[in-house]
Amino acid sequence: MVSRIFRCADCLQLVNKLAQSRFSYRTSKSGSVMIDSNGKIVKTLKNARASKFLDTIASLNDAEAQLLMAKTTGPFKFGNERQGIYIRSRGK
């Protein structure tokens, strides 16, 4: 039973390591914040939202910062999803 716990702990460490490297952010000279996911910009924050984000993330550790960035970006499309457009035929 102990070996299963150690294996699970190793898996959790691996998952945490992968999750921590997913999001990153950078600031511009104008004060806007760009949040990246795997190297691609997925969200841009400007003005008050950017300053609030920077104030909040300054006091967080890495795991909490990743969670904040994930919540800030919300669900986003990767580009390979179907559009979901349904076209009804006009036949009688």
PDB file of N, CA and C in Angstrom:
ATOM      1  N   MET A   1       0.811  -1.195   0.000  1.00  0.00           N
ATOM      2  CA  MET A   1       0.000   0.000   0.000  1.00  0.00           C
ATOM      3  C   MET A   1       0.857   1.263   0.000  1.00  0.00           C
ATOM      4  N   VAL A   2       1.988   1.207   0.671  1.00  0.00           N
ATOM      5  CA  VAL A   2       2.857   2.368   0.728  1.00  0.00           C
ATOM      6  C   VAL A   2       3.388   2.709  -0.661  1.00  0.00           C
ATOM      7  N   SER A   3       3.716   1.688  -1.450  1.00  0.00           N
ATOM      8  CA  SER A   3       4.250   1.955  -2.780  1.00  0.00           C
ATOM      9  C   SER A   3       3.227   2.652  -3.664  1.00  0.00           C
ATOM     10  N   ARG A   4       1.945   2.335  -3.487  1.00  0.00           N
ATOM     11  CA  ARG A   4       0.906   3.016  -4.273  1.00  0.00           C
ATOM     12  C   ARG A   4       0.842   4.494  -3.902  1.00  0.00           C
ATOM     13  N   ILE A   5       1.005   4.782  -2.629  1.00  0.00           N
ATOM     14  CA  ILE A   5       0.973   6.178  -2.196  1.00  0.00           C
ATOM     15  C   ILE A   5       2.141   6.939  -2.810  1.00  0.00           C
ATOM     16  N   PHE A   6       3.336   6.332  -2.793  1.00  0.00           N
ATOM     17  CA  PHE A   6       4.487   7.004  -3.376  1.00  0.00           C
ATOM     18  C   PHE A   6       4.308   7.202  -4.874  1.00  0.00           C
ATOM     19  N   ARG A   7       3.752   6.213  -5.555  1.00  0.00           N
ATOM     20  CA  ARG A   7       3.513   6.370  -6.995  1.00  0.00           C
ATOM     21  C   ARG A   7       2.516   7.488  -7.255  1.00  0.00           C
ATOM     22  N   CYS A   8       1.470   7.545  -6.448  1.00  0.00           N
ATOM     23  CA  CYS A   8       0.478   8.606  -6.618  1.00  0.00           C
ATOM     24  C   CYS A   8       1.092   9.974  -6.326  1.00  0.00           C
ATOM     25  N   ALA A   9       1.947  10.032  -5.313  1.00  0.00           N
ATOM     26  CA  ALA A   9       2.599  11.299  -4.993  1.00  0.00           C
ATOM     27  C   ALA A   9       3.496  11.745  -6.144  1.00  0.00           C
ATOM     28  N   ASP A  10       4.192  10.794  -6.776  1.00  0.00           N
ATOM     29  CA  ASP A  10       5.026  11.140  -7.926  1.00  0.00           C
ATOM     30  C   ASP A  10       4.181  11.661  -9.077  1.00  0.00           C
ATOM     31  N   CYS A  11       3.028  11.027  -9.302  1.00  0.00           N
ATOM     32  CA  CYS A  11       2.123  11.486 -10.363  1.00  0.00           C
ATOM     33  C   CYS A  11       1.605  12.878 -10.065  1.00  0.00           C
ATOM     34  N   LEU A  12       1.252  13.142  -8.804  1.00  0.00           N
ATOM     35  CA  LEU A  12       0.755  14.465  -8.437  1.00  0.00           C
ATOM     36  C   LEU A  12       1.831  15.523  -8.631  1.00  0.00           C
ATOM     37  N   GLN A  13       3.072  15.190  -8.306  1.00  0.00           N
ATOM     38  CA  GLN A  13       4.149  16.141  -8.521  1.00  0.00           C
ATOM     39  C   GLN A  13       4.337  16.431 -10.003  1.00  0.00           C
ATOM     40  N   LEU A  14       4.224  15.398 -10.824  1.00  0.00           N
ATOM     41  CA  LEU A  14       4.353  15.583 -12.262  1.00  0.00           C
ATOM     42  C   LEU A  14       3.223  16.443 -12.802  1.00  0.00           C
ATOM     43  N   VAL A  15       2.000  16.174 -12.358  1.00  0.00           N
ATOM     44  CA  VAL A  15       0.850  16.959 -12.805  1.00  0.00           C
ATOM     45  C   VAL A  15       0.998  18.404 -12.352  1.00  0.00           C
ATOM     46  N   ASN A  16       1.420  18.625 -11.116  1.00  0.00           N
ATOM     47  CA  ASN A  16       1.609  19.984 -10.630  1.00  0.00           C
ATOM     48  C   ASN A  16       2.686  20.712 -11.421  1.00  0.00           C
ATOM     49  N   LYS A  17       3.752  20.005 -11.774  1.00  0.00           N
ATOM     50  CA  LYS A  17       4.830  20.627 -12.538  1.00  0.00           C
ATOM     51  C   LYS A  17       4.346  21.027 -13.928  1.00  0.00           C
ATOM     52  N   LEU A  18       3.545  20.169 -14.566  1.00  0.00           N
ATOM     53  CA  LEU A  18       3.003  20.497 -15.884  1.00  0.00           C
ATOM     54  C   LEU A  18       2.016  21.643 -15.803  1.00  0.00           C
ATOM     55  N   ALA A  19       1.183  21.643 -14.778  1.00  0.00           N
ATOM     56  CA  ALA A  19       0.178  22.690 -14.642  1.00  0.00           C
ATOM     57  C   ALA A  19       0.818  24.040 -14.338  1.00  0.00           C
ATOM     58  N   GLN A  20       1.930  24.039 -13.604  1.00  0.00           N
ATOM     59  CA  GLN A  20       2.561  25.292 -13.241  1.00  0.00           C
ATOM     60  C   GLN A  20       3.190  25.988 -14.437  1.00  0.00           C
ATOM     61  N   SER A  21       3.574  25.253 -15.432  1.00  0.00           N
ATOM     62  CA  SER A  21       4.248  25.874 -16.554  1.00  0.00           C
ATOM     63  C   SER A  21       3.307  26.273 -17.682  1.00  0.00           C
ATOM     64  N   ARG A  22       2.001  26.132 -17.495  1.00  0.00           N
ATOM     65  CA  ARG A  22       1.075  26.407 -18.579  1.00  0.00           C
ATOM     66  C   ARG A  22       0.886  27.898 -18.828  1.00  0.00           C
ATOM     67  N   PHE A  23       0.613  28.665 -17.795  1.00  0.00           N
ATOM     68  CA  PHE A  23       0.315  30.085 -17.959  1.00  0.00           C
ATOM     69  C   PHE A  23       1.500  30.947 -17.552  1.00  0.00           C
ATOM     70  N   SER A  24       1.645  32.052 -18.251  1.00  0.00           N
ATOM     71  CA  SER A  24       2.618  33.071 -17.878  1.00  0.00           C
ATOM     72  C   SER A  24       2.019  34.423 -18.255  1.00  0.00           C
ATOM     73  N   TYR A  25       2.597  35.487 -17.736  1.00  0.00           N
ATOM     74  CA  TYR A  25       2.091  36.816 -18.080  1.00  0.00           C
ATOM     75  C   TYR A  25       3.254  37.755 -18.278  1.00  0.00           C
ATOM     76  N   ARG A  26       2.981  38.823 -18.997  1.00  0.00           N
ATOM     77  CA  ARG A  26       3.979  39.863 -19.216  1.00  0.00           C
ATOM     78  C   ARG A  26       3.271  41.201 -19.284  1.00  0.00           C
ATOM     79  N   THR A  27       3.975  42.239 -18.955  1.00  0.00           N
ATOM     80  CA  THR A  27       3.404  43.582 -18.964  1.00  0.00           C
ATOM     81  C   THR A  27       4.033  44.395 -20.086  1.00  0.00           C
ATOM     82  N   SER A  28       3.292  45.356 -20.554  1.00  0.00           N
ATOM     83  CA  SER A  28       3.809  46.242 -21.593  1.00  0.00           C
ATOM     84  C   SER A  28       4.086  47.614 -20.991  1.00  0.00           C
ATOM     85  N   LYS A  29       4.697  48.472 -21.765  1.00  0.00           N
ATOM     86  CA  LYS A  29       4.998  49.822 -21.294  1.00  0.00           C
ATOM     87  C   LYS A  29       3.736  50.620 -21.011  1.00  0.00           C
ATOM     88  N   SER A  30       2.665  50.317 -21.745  1.00  0.00           N
ATOM     89  CA  SER A  30       1.419  51.046 -21.552  1.00  0.00           C
ATOM     90  C   SER A  30       0.653  50.599 -20.321  1.00  0.00           C
ATOM     91  N   GLY A  31       1.109  49.522 -19.673  1.00  0.00           N
ATOM     92  CA  GLY A  31       0.459  49.056 -18.457  1.00  0.00           C
ATOM     93  C   GLY A  31      -0.480  47.892 -18.659  1.00  0.00           C
ATOM     94  N   SER A  32      -0.647  47.440 -19.881  1.00  0.00           N
ATOM     95  CA  SER A  32      -1.523  46.298 -20.119  1.00  0.00           C
ATOM     96  C   SER A  32      -0.789  45.003 -19.785  1.00  0.00           C
ATOM     97  N   VAL A  33      -1.559  43.978 -19.447  1.00  0.00           N
ATOM     98  CA  VAL A  33      -1.013  42.681 -19.083  1.00  0.00           C
ATOM     99  C   VAL A  33      -1.494  41.659 -20.093  1.00  0.00           C
ATOM    100  N   MET A  34      -0.567  40.895 -20.657  1.00  0.00           N
ATOM    101  CA  MET A  34      -0.911  39.840 -21.604  1.00  0.00           C
ATOM    102  C   MET A  34      -0.659  38.493 -20.943  1.00  0.00           C
ATOM    103  N   ILE A  35      -1.690  37.651 -20.896  1.00  0.00           N
ATOM    104  CA  ILE A  35      -1.571  36.333 -20.299  1.00  0.00           C
ATOM    105  C   ILE A  35      -1.404  35.320 -21.419  1.00  0.00           C
ATOM    106  N   ASP A  36      -0.349  34.517 -21.315  1.00  0.00           N
ATOM    107  CA  ASP A  36      -0.019  33.512 -22.328  1.00  0.00           C
ATOM    108  C   ASP A  36      -0.354  32.126 -21.814  1.00  0.00           C
ATOM    109  N   SER A  37      -0.735  31.268 -22.730  1.00  0.00           N
ATOM    110  CA  SER A  37      -0.898  29.850 -22.434  1.00  0.00           C
ATOM    111  C   SER A  37      -0.071  29.090 -23.451  1.00  0.00           C
ATOM    112  N   ASN A  38       0.954  28.425 -22.972  1.00  0.00           N
ATOM    113  CA  ASN A  38       1.872  27.675 -23.833  1.00  0.00           C
ATOM    114  C   ASN A  38       2.443  28.542 -24.948  1.00  0.00           C
ATOM    115  N   GLY A  39       2.762  29.791 -24.623  1.00  0.00           N
ATOM    116  CA  GLY A  39       3.418  30.671 -25.580  1.00  0.00           C
ATOM    117  C   GLY A  39       2.498  31.487 -26.468  1.00  0.00           C
ATOM    118  N   LYS A  40       1.175  31.312 -26.348  1.00  0.00           N
ATOM    119  CA  LYS A  40       0.240  32.079 -27.173  1.00  0.00           C
ATOM    120  C   LYS A  40      -0.595  32.990 -26.286  1.00  0.00           C
ATOM    121  N   ILE A  41      -0.767  34.230 -26.712  1.00  0.00           N
ATOM    122  CA  ILE A  41      -1.552  35.189 -25.939  1.00  0.00           C
ATOM    123  C   ILE A  41      -3.027  34.784 -25.996  1.00  0.00           C
ATOM    124  N   VAL A  42      -3.639  34.632 -24.819  1.00  0.00           N
ATOM    125  CA  VAL A  42      -5.042  34.248 -24.778  1.00  0.00           C
ATOM    126  C   VAL A  42      -5.920  35.329 -24.159  1.00  0.00           C
ATOM    127  N   LYS A  43      -5.309  36.278 -23.431  1.00  0.00           N
ATOM    128  CA  LYS A  43      -6.103  37.333 -22.802  1.00  0.00           C
ATOM    129  C   LYS A  43      -5.233  38.554 -22.605  1.00  0.00           C
ATOM    130  N   THR A  44      -5.802  39.723 -22.841  1.00  0.00           N
ATOM    131  CA  THR A  44      -5.115  40.983 -22.599  1.00  0.00           C
ATOM    132  C   THR A  44      -5.946  41.810 -21.640  1.00  0.00           C
ATOM    133  N   LEU A  45      -5.336  42.242 -20.560  1.00  0.00           N
ATOM    134  CA  LEU A  45      -6.011  43.069 -19.560  1.00  0.00           C
ATOM    135  C   LEU A  45      -5.491  44.490 -19.667  1.00  0.00           C
ATOM    136  N   LYS A  46      -6.389  45.452 -19.551  1.00  0.00           N
ATOM    137  CA  LYS A  46      -5.999  46.852 -19.660  1.00  0.00           C
ATOM    138  C   LYS A  46      -6.556  47.640 -18.484  1.00  0.00           C
ATOM    139  N   ASN A  47      -5.950  48.773 -18.226  1.00  0.00           N
ATOM    140  CA  ASN A  47      -6.393  49.767 -17.255  1.00  0.00           C
ATOM    141  C   ASN A  47      -6.571  49.189 -15.858  1.00  0.00           C
ATOM    142  N   ALA A  48      -7.766  49.320 -15.297  1.00  0.00           N
ATOM    143  CA  ALA A  48      -8.017  48.932 -13.902  1.00  0.00           C
ATOM    144  C   ALA A  48      -7.896  47.428 -13.699  1.00  0.00           C
ATOM    145  N   ARG A  49      -8.341  46.639 -14.671  1.00  0.00           N
ATOM    146  CA  ARG A  49      -8.242  45.180 -14.528  1.00  0.00           C
ATOM    147  C   ARG A  49      -6.785  44.738 -14.500  1.00  0.00           C
ATOM    148  N   ALA A  50      -5.937  45.385 -15.288  1.00  0.00           N
ATOM    149  CA  ALA A  50      -4.518  45.033 -15.305  1.00  0.00           C
ATOM    150  C   ALA A  50      -3.855  45.373 -13.977  1.00  0.00           C
ATOM    151  N   SER A  51      -4.130  46.544 -13.430  1.00  0.00           N
ATOM    152  CA  SER A  51      -3.513  46.922 -12.159  1.00  0.00           C
ATOM    153  C   SER A  51      -4.030  46.053 -11.013  1.00  0.00           C
ATOM    154  N   LYS A  52      -5.305  45.699 -11.036  1.00  0.00           N
ATOM    155  CA  LYS A  52      -5.851  44.813 -10.008  1.00  0.00           C
ATOM    156  C   LYS A  52      -5.213  43.424 -10.106  1.00  0.00           C
ATOM    157  N   PHE A  53      -5.030  42.937 -11.330  1.00  0.00           N
ATOM    158  CA  PHE A  53      -4.393  41.642 -11.544  1.00  0.00           C
ATOM    159  C   PHE A  53      -2.967  41.639 -11.010  1.00  0.00           C
ATOM    160  N   LEU A  54      -2.198  42.683 -11.313  1.00  0.00           N
ATOM    161  CA  LEU A  54      -0.811  42.769 -10.862  1.00  0.00           C
ATOM    162  C   LEU A  54      -0.716  42.859  -9.343  1.00  0.00           C
ATOM    163  N   ASP A  55      -1.633  43.610  -8.723  1.00  0.00           N
ATOM    164  CA  ASP A  55      -1.638  43.703  -7.259  1.00  0.00           C
ATOM    165  C   ASP A  55      -1.957  42.356  -6.622  1.00  0.00           C
ATOM    166  N   THR A  56      -2.893  41.625  -7.209  1.00  0.00           N
ATOM    167  CA  THR A  56      -3.306  40.342  -6.653  1.00  0.00           C
ATOM    168  C   THR A  56      -2.224  39.291  -6.838  1.00  0.00           C
ATOM    169  N   ILE A  57      -1.629  39.224  -8.008  1.00  0.00           N
ATOM    170  CA  ILE A  57      -0.683  38.151  -8.299  1.00  0.00           C
ATOM    171  C   ILE A  57       0.653  38.344  -7.572  1.00  0.00           C
ATOM    172  N   ALA A  58       0.939  39.563  -7.131  1.00  0.00           N
ATOM    173  CA  ALA A  58       2.206  39.817  -6.434  1.00  0.00           C
ATOM    174  C   ALA A  58       2.290  39.066  -5.110  1.00  0.00           C
ATOM    175  N   SER A  59       1.154  38.803  -4.484  1.00  0.00           N
ATOM    176  CA  SER A  59       1.167  38.159  -3.169  1.00  0.00           C
ATOM    177  C   SER A  59       0.896  36.658  -3.222  1.00  0.00           C
ATOM    178  N   LEU A  60       0.851  36.061  -4.412  1.00  0.00           N
ATOM    179  CA  LEU A  60       0.521  34.644  -4.550  1.00  0.00           C
ATOM    180  C   LEU A  60       1.759  33.808  -4.840  1.00  0.00           C
ATOM    181  N   ASN A  61       1.698  32.523  -4.456  1.00  0.00           N
ATOM    182  CA  ASN A  61       2.765  31.602  -4.839  1.00  0.00           C
ATOM    183  C   ASN A  61       2.491  31.089  -6.255  1.00  0.00           C
ATOM    184  N   ASP A  62       3.343  30.212  -6.763  1.00  0.00           N
ATOM    185  CA  ASP A  62       3.246  29.775  -8.158  1.00  0.00           C
ATOM    186  C   ASP A  62       1.930  29.058  -8.469  1.00  0.00           C
ATOM    187  N   ALA A  63       1.532  28.115  -7.611  1.00  0.00           N
ATOM    188  CA  ALA A  63       0.304  27.356  -7.875  1.00  0.00           C
ATOM    189  C   ALA A  63      -0.918  28.260  -7.835  1.00  0.00           C
ATOM    190  N   GLU A  64      -0.965  29.168  -6.875  1.00  0.00           N
ATOM    191  CA  GLU A  64      -2.096  30.096  -6.781  1.00  0.00           C
ATOM    192  C   GLU A  64      -2.105  31.066  -7.955  1.00  0.00           C
ATOM    193  N   ALA A  65      -0.927  31.466  -8.418  1.00  0.00           N
ATOM    194  CA  ALA A  65      -0.839  32.366  -9.575  1.00  0.00           C
ATOM    195  C   ALA A  65      -1.357  31.674 -10.830  1.00  0.00           C
ATOM    196  N   GLN A  66      -1.029  30.384 -10.997  1.00  0.00           N
ATOM    197  CA  GLN A  66      -1.532  29.624 -12.139  1.00  0.00           C
ATOM    198  C   GLN A  66      -3.056  29.551 -12.096  1.00  0.00           C
ATOM    199  N   LEU A  67      -3.609  29.333 -10.905  1.00  0.00           N
ATOM    200  CA  LEU A  67      -5.061  29.260 -10.752  1.00  0.00           C
ATOM    201  C   LEU A  67      -5.707  30.599 -11.081  1.00  0.00           C
ATOM    202  N   LEU A  68      -5.114  31.684 -10.617  1.00  0.00           N
ATOM    203  CA  LEU A  68      -5.648  33.014 -10.915  1.00  0.00           C
ATOM    204  C   LEU A  68      -5.633  33.292 -12.410  1.00  0.00           C
ATOM    205  N   MET A  69      -4.538  32.951 -13.078  1.00  0.00           N
ATOM    206  CA  MET A  69      -4.469  33.183 -14.522  1.00  0.00           C
ATOM    207  C   MET A  69      -5.463  32.303 -15.271  1.00  0.00           C
ATOM    208  N   ALA A  70      -5.676  31.075 -14.805  1.00  0.00           N
ATOM    209  CA  ALA A  70      -6.654  30.196 -15.440  1.00  0.00           C
ATOM    210  C   ALA A  70      -8.062  30.752 -15.275  1.00  0.00           C
ATOM    211  N   LYS A  71      -8.364  31.266 -14.101  1.00  0.00           N
ATOM    212  CA  LYS A  71      -9.690  31.849 -13.877  1.00  0.00           C
ATOM    213  C   LYS A  71      -9.868  33.146 -14.665  1.00  0.00           C
ATOM    214  N   THR A  72      -8.803  33.920 -14.793  1.00  0.00           N
ATOM    215  CA  THR A  72      -8.880  35.181 -15.527  1.00  0.00           C
ATOM    216  C   THR A  72      -9.099  34.948 -17.013  1.00  0.00           C
ATOM    217  N   THR A  73      -8.407  33.975 -17.577  1.00  0.00           N
ATOM    218  CA  THR A  73      -8.562  33.722 -19.012  1.00  0.00           C
ATOM    219  C   THR A  73      -9.891  33.060 -19.315  1.00  0.00           C
ATOM    220  N   GLY A  74     -10.382  32.230 -18.411  1.00  0.00           N
ATOM    221  CA  GLY A  74     -11.629  31.525 -18.660  1.00  0.00           C
ATOM    222  C   GLY A  74     -11.439  30.494 -19.756  1.00  0.00           C
ATOM    223  N   PRO A  75     -12.528  29.882 -20.196  1.00  0.00           N
ATOM    224  CA  PRO A  75     -12.382  28.917 -21.285  1.00  0.00           C
ATOM    225  C   PRO A  75     -12.087  29.643 -22.599  1.00  0.00           C
ATOM    226  N   PHE A  76     -11.135  29.151 -23.340  1.00  0.00           N
ATOM    227  CA  PHE A  76     -10.817  29.748 -24.628  1.00  0.00           C
ATOM    228  C   PHE A  76     -10.635  28.647 -25.650  1.00  0.00           C
ATOM    229  N   LYS A  77     -10.811  29.006 -26.896  1.00  0.00           N
ATOM    230  CA  LYS A  77     -10.732  28.029 -27.977  1.00  0.00           C
ATOM    231  C   LYS A  77      -9.297  27.878 -28.442  1.00  0.00           C
ATOM    232  N   PHE A  78      -8.942  26.681 -28.809  1.00  0.00           N
ATOM    233  CA  PHE A  78      -7.602  26.389 -29.297  1.00  0.00           C
ATOM    234  C   PHE A  78      -7.524  26.513 -30.816  1.00  0.00           C
ATOM    235  N   GLY A  79      -8.653  26.658 -31.497  1.00  0.00           N
ATOM    236  CA  GLY A  79      -8.649  26.836 -32.935  1.00  0.00           C
ATOM    237  C   GLY A  79      -9.097  25.622 -33.710  1.00  0.00           C
ATOM    238  N   ASN A  80      -9.227  24.487 -33.059  1.00  0.00           N
ATOM    239  CA  ASN A  80      -9.622  23.300 -33.799  1.00  0.00           C
ATOM    240  C   ASN A  80     -11.041  22.837 -33.444  1.00  0.00           C
ATOM    241  N   GLU A  81     -11.786  23.640 -32.692  1.00  0.00           N
ATOM    242  CA  GLU A  81     -13.150  23.284 -32.365  1.00  0.00           C
ATOM    243  C   GLU A  81     -14.075  23.611 -33.536  1.00  0.00           C
ATOM    244  N   ARG A  82     -15.146  22.904 -33.622  1.00  0.00           N
ATOM    245  CA  ARG A  82     -16.122  23.188 -34.665  1.00  0.00           C
ATOM    246  C   ARG A  82     -16.862  24.470 -34.327  1.00  0.00           C
ATOM    247  N   GLN A  83     -17.289  25.154 -35.335  1.00  0.00           N
ATOM    248  CA  GLN A  83     -17.971  26.425 -35.130  1.00  0.00           C
ATOM    249  C   GLN A  83     -19.372  26.250 -34.570  1.00  0.00           C
ATOM    250  N   GLY A  84     -20.000  25.129 -34.831  1.00  0.00           N
ATOM    251  CA  GLY A  84     -21.344  24.885 -34.307  1.00  0.00           C
ATOM    252  C   GLY A  84     -22.419  25.640 -35.074  1.00  0.00           C
ATOM    253  N   ILE A  85     -22.143  25.999 -36.294  1.00  0.00           N
ATOM    254  CA  ILE A  85     -23.118  26.730 -37.108  1.00  0.00           C
ATOM    255  C   ILE A  85     -24.036  25.707 -37.765  1.00  0.00           C
ATOM    256  N   TYR A  86     -25.304  25.892 -37.555  1.00  0.00           N
ATOM    257  CA  TYR A  86     -26.300  24.980 -38.136  1.00  0.00           C
ATOM    258  C   TYR A  86     -27.028  25.748 -39.219  1.00  0.00           C
ATOM    259  N   ILE A  87     -26.956  25.261 -40.422  1.00  0.00           N
ATOM    260  CA  ILE A  87     -27.630  25.911 -41.545  1.00  0.00           C
ATOM    261  C   ILE A  87     -28.824  25.043 -41.934  1.00  0.00           C
ATOM    262  N   ARG A  88     -29.993  25.624 -41.841  1.00  0.00           N
ATOM    263  CA  ARG A  88     -31.217  24.906 -42.170  1.00  0.00           C
ATOM    264  C   ARG A  88     -31.461  25.032 -43.675  1.00  0.00           C
ATOM    265  N   SER A  89     -31.774  23.916 -44.276  1.00  0.00           N
ATOM    266  CA  SER A  89     -32.077  23.962 -45.706  1.00  0.00           C
ATOM    267  C   SER A  89     -33.465  24.565 -45.895  1.00  0.00           C
ATOM    268  N   ARG A  90     -33.662  25.251 -47.015  1.00  0.00           N
ATOM    269  CA  ARG A  90     -34.926  25.923 -47.274  1.00  0.00           C
ATOM    270  C   ARG A  90     -35.836  25.124 -48.176  1.00  0.00           C
ATOM    271  N   GLY A  91     -35.554  23.855 -48.305  1.00  0.00           N
ATOM    272  CA  GLY A  91     -36.408  23.025 -49.174  1.00  0.00           C
ATOM    273  C   GLY A  91     -37.807  22.851 -48.593  1.00  0.00           C
ATOM    274  N   LYS A  92     -38.798  22.611 -49.475  1.00  0.00           N
ATOM    275  CA  LYS A  92     -40.173  22.441 -49.018  1.00  0.00           C
ATOM    276  C   LYS A  92     -40.507  21.027 -48.764  1.00  0.00           C
TER     277      LYS A  92
END
